Amino acid sequence: MLTFDEVLAEIQDATMTKKAMSAPDVLNEAYCYGSAFSRGMRLDLNGLVILLISGTASVDEAGKTVHVGDIRAQCRRTFQNITRLLESEGATWKDIVRTTCYLRDIDRDYKEFNEERTRFYDEQELNPYPASTGIQAKLCRPDLLVEIEAIAIFKREKL
């Protein structure tokens, strides 16, 4: 893991480049249904890569909500979508440092959500788990039960 001083040294005089992330094989582009955001943004800072993954949910490659009414299945699809976004940039869940998890009904769904998240993190052999916050929120579609944002940070070879 990078120390704070190492991060500062890497980016101190860096030129930042950015590019939109996508994983069209599992998740459509948001602009396909009129939303003005990228699925994620890759920031390159002199060998340090930061991935900012937008709120991601149980949406398929055609932009349709999948697993309506099933919090566990929606969690699994959400993790699958984030996994593909990470893979598209050469990252894994081991590079995730933070998540923000939005639940439509936190009182009803948190226990099952947390069981699925813990199972998934254990399958990924994450130790430590990412920092995280759980928030109850009205999501952009009434049939979505969970949405997750993520931040990944990793080093790449310098060019």
Protein backbone atom coordinates (compact mmCIF):
# COMPACT_ATOMS: atom_id res chain seq x y z
CA MET A 1 0.00 0.00 0.00
CA LEU A 2 1.26 3.49 -0.85
CA THR A 3 2.02 5.92 1.93
CA PHE A 4 0.64 9.43 1.75
CA ASP A 5 4.15 10.80 1.12
CA GLU A 6 4.61 8.36 -1.79
CA VAL A 7 1.33 9.51 -3.33
CA LEU A 8 2.37 13.15 -3.01
CA ALA A 9 5.76 12.44 -4.56
CA GLU A 10 4.12 10.69 -7.52
CA ILE A 11 1.68 13.48 -8.31
CA GLN A 12 3.62 16.57 -7.27
CA ASP A 13 4.67 17.61 -10.77
CA ALA A 14 2.43 15.27 -12.72
CA THR A 15 0.37 16.10 -15.74
CA MET A 16 -3.09 14.67 -15.30
CA THR A 17 -4.86 12.90 -18.12
CA LYS A 18 -8.40 11.66 -17.89
CA LYS A 19 -10.61 9.34 -19.89
CA ALA A 20 -14.07 7.89 -19.52
CA MET A 21 -14.40 4.25 -18.50
CA SER A 22 -16.86 1.78 -19.99
CA ALA A 23 -17.76 -1.91 -20.03
CA PRO A 24 -20.37 -2.18 -22.79
CA ASP A 25 -20.43 -5.99 -22.64
CA VAL A 26 -22.28 -5.82 -19.29
CA LEU A 27 -23.38 -2.22 -18.79
CA ASN A 28 -24.72 0.31 -21.27
CA GLU A 29 -23.54 3.89 -21.45
CA ALA A 30 -25.66 6.26 -19.37
CA TYR A 31 -26.08 8.69 -22.26
CA CYS A 32 -27.99 5.93 -24.11
CA TYR A 33 -31.01 6.74 -21.96
CA GLY A 34 -30.48 10.46 -21.59
CA SER A 35 -28.23 10.74 -18.53
CA ALA A 36 -25.21 13.01 -18.75
CA PHE A 37 -22.43 11.13 -16.95
CA SER A 38 -19.66 8.64 -17.62
CA ARG A 39 -19.74 5.19 -16.02
CA GLY A 40 -16.39 6.06 -14.55
CA MET A 41 -13.41 8.32 -14.98
CA ARG A 42 -9.76 7.27 -15.15
CA LEU A 43 -7.24 9.81 -13.91
CA ASP A 44 -3.56 9.21 -14.69
CA LEU A 45 -1.06 11.17 -12.60
CA ASN A 46 2.55 10.27 -13.42
CA GLY A 47 2.11 6.54 -12.84
CA LEU A 48 -0.60 6.80 -10.22
CA VAL A 49 -4.04 5.80 -11.52
CA ILE A 50 -7.27 6.80 -9.81
CA LEU A 51 -10.55 5.29 -10.97
CA LEU A 52 -13.73 7.12 -9.97
CA ILE A 53 -16.62 4.74 -10.65
CA SER A 54 -20.03 6.37 -10.86
CA GLY A 55 -23.01 5.01 -9.02
CA THR A 56 -23.49 1.56 -10.54
CA ALA A 57 -26.53 -0.66 -10.19
CA SER A 58 -28.19 -3.80 -11.50
CA VAL A 59 -28.43 -2.60 -15.10
CA ASP A 60 -27.65 -4.71 -18.16
CA GLU A 61 -25.94 -3.98 -21.46
CA ALA A 62 -29.25 -2.73 -22.90
CA GLY A 63 -29.79 -0.32 -20.00
CA LYS A 64 -32.61 -2.30 -18.41
CA THR A 65 -32.90 -2.96 -14.70
CA VAL A 66 -32.36 -6.64 -13.97
CA HIS A 67 -33.42 -8.71 -10.93
CA VAL A 68 -36.31 -6.42 -9.98
CA GLY A 69 -37.33 -6.96 -6.35
CA ASP A 70 -34.33 -9.20 -5.47
CA ILE A 71 -31.75 -7.32 -3.36
CA ARG A 72 -29.26 -10.19 -3.37
CA ALA A 73 -29.32 -10.63 -7.14
CA GLN A 74 -29.15 -6.86 -7.66
CA CYS A 75 -26.07 -6.75 -5.42
CA ARG A 76 -24.39 -9.52 -7.40
CA ARG A 77 -25.13 -7.79 -10.72
CA THR A 78 -23.88 -4.49 -9.35
CA PHE A 79 -20.62 -6.13 -8.25
CA GLN A 80 -20.33 -7.78 -11.69
CA ASN A 81 -20.75 -4.41 -13.42
CA ILE A 82 -18.14 -2.75 -11.20
CA THR A 83 -15.78 -5.69 -11.72
CA ARG A 84 -15.96 -5.26 -15.50
CA LEU A 85 -15.39 -1.51 -15.20
CA LEU A 86 -12.29 -2.23 -13.10
CA GLU A 87 -11.05 -4.87 -15.55
CA SER A 88 -11.48 -2.46 -18.45
CA GLU A 89 -8.73 -0.35 -16.86
CA GLY A 90 -6.45 -3.14 -15.64
CA ALA A 91 -7.66 -3.00 -12.03
CA THR A 92 -9.26 -5.40 -9.56
CA TRP A 93 -11.26 -5.15 -6.37
CA LYS A 94 -7.94 -5.24 -4.50
CA ASP A 95 -7.38 -1.69 -5.86
CA ILE A 96 -10.66 -0.38 -4.40
CA VAL A 97 -10.06 1.91 -1.43
CA ARG A 98 -13.58 3.26 -0.88
CA THR A 99 -17.19 2.54 -1.71
CA THR A 100 -20.38 4.45 -1.08
CA CYS A 101 -23.42 2.17 -1.00
CA TYR A 102 -26.90 3.55 -1.53
CA LEU A 103 -29.90 1.44 -0.50
CA ARG A 104 -33.48 2.33 -1.33
CA ASP A 105 -34.67 0.87 2.01
CA ILE A 106 -31.76 0.47 4.40
CA ASP A 107 -33.91 -0.87 7.25
CA ARG A 108 -35.38 -3.64 5.10
CA ASP A 109 -32.35 -4.52 2.93
CA TYR A 110 -29.12 -3.79 4.83
CA LYS A 111 -28.73 -7.24 6.40
CA GLU A 112 -29.02 -9.07 3.07
CA PHE A 113 -26.95 -6.42 1.28
CA ASN A 114 -24.17 -6.73 3.86
CA GLU A 115 -24.21 -10.53 3.66
CA GLU A 116 -23.80 -10.37 -0.15
CA ARG A 117 -21.11 -7.70 0.09
CA THR A 118 -19.16 -9.68 2.70
CA ARG A 119 -19.45 -12.89 0.65
CA PHE A 120 -18.25 -11.07 -2.47
CA TYR A 121 -15.35 -9.35 -0.68
CA ASP A 122 -14.27 -12.67 0.84
CA GLU A 123 -14.38 -14.30 -2.62
CA GLN A 124 -12.11 -11.48 -3.83
CA GLU A 125 -9.81 -12.15 -0.84
CA LEU A 126 -9.94 -8.50 0.21
CA ASN A 127 -8.00 -7.74 3.36
CA PRO A 128 -8.61 -5.13 4.49
CA TYR A 129 -12.07 -4.42 3.16
CA PRO A 130 -12.49 -1.02 1.48
CA ALA A 131 -13.63 1.96 3.51
CA SER A 132 -17.37 2.34 3.00
CA THR A 133 -20.47 4.32 3.82
CA GLY A 134 -24.06 3.06 3.62
CA ILE A 135 -26.77 5.58 2.87
CA GLN A 136 -30.52 5.31 2.37
CA ALA A 137 -31.45 7.14 -0.81
CA LYS A 138 -34.15 7.51 -3.40
CA LEU A 139 -32.42 5.99 -6.42
CA CYS A 140 -32.89 7.16 -10.01
CA ARG A 141 -35.26 4.28 -10.87
CA PRO A 142 -37.98 2.93 -8.60
CA ASP A 143 -37.01 -0.70 -9.35
CA LEU A 144 -33.37 -0.29 -8.25
CA LEU A 145 -32.68 -1.38 -4.68
CA VAL A 146 -28.92 -0.74 -4.50
CA GLU A 147 -26.34 1.49 -6.18
CA ILE A 148 -22.60 1.57 -5.43
CA GLU A 149 -19.88 4.14 -6.18
CA ALA A 150 -16.24 3.13 -5.91
CA ILE A 151 -12.76 4.64 -5.90
CA ALA A 152 -9.72 2.59 -6.91
CA ILE A 153 -6.09 3.67 -6.72
CA PHE A 154 -3.12 1.80 -8.13
CA LYS A 155 0.29 2.37 -9.69
CA ARG A 156 1.11 1.60 -13.29
CA GLU A 157 4.46 1.43 -14.96
CA LYS A 158 5.72 4.86 -15.98
CA LEU A 159 5.88 5.45 -19.74
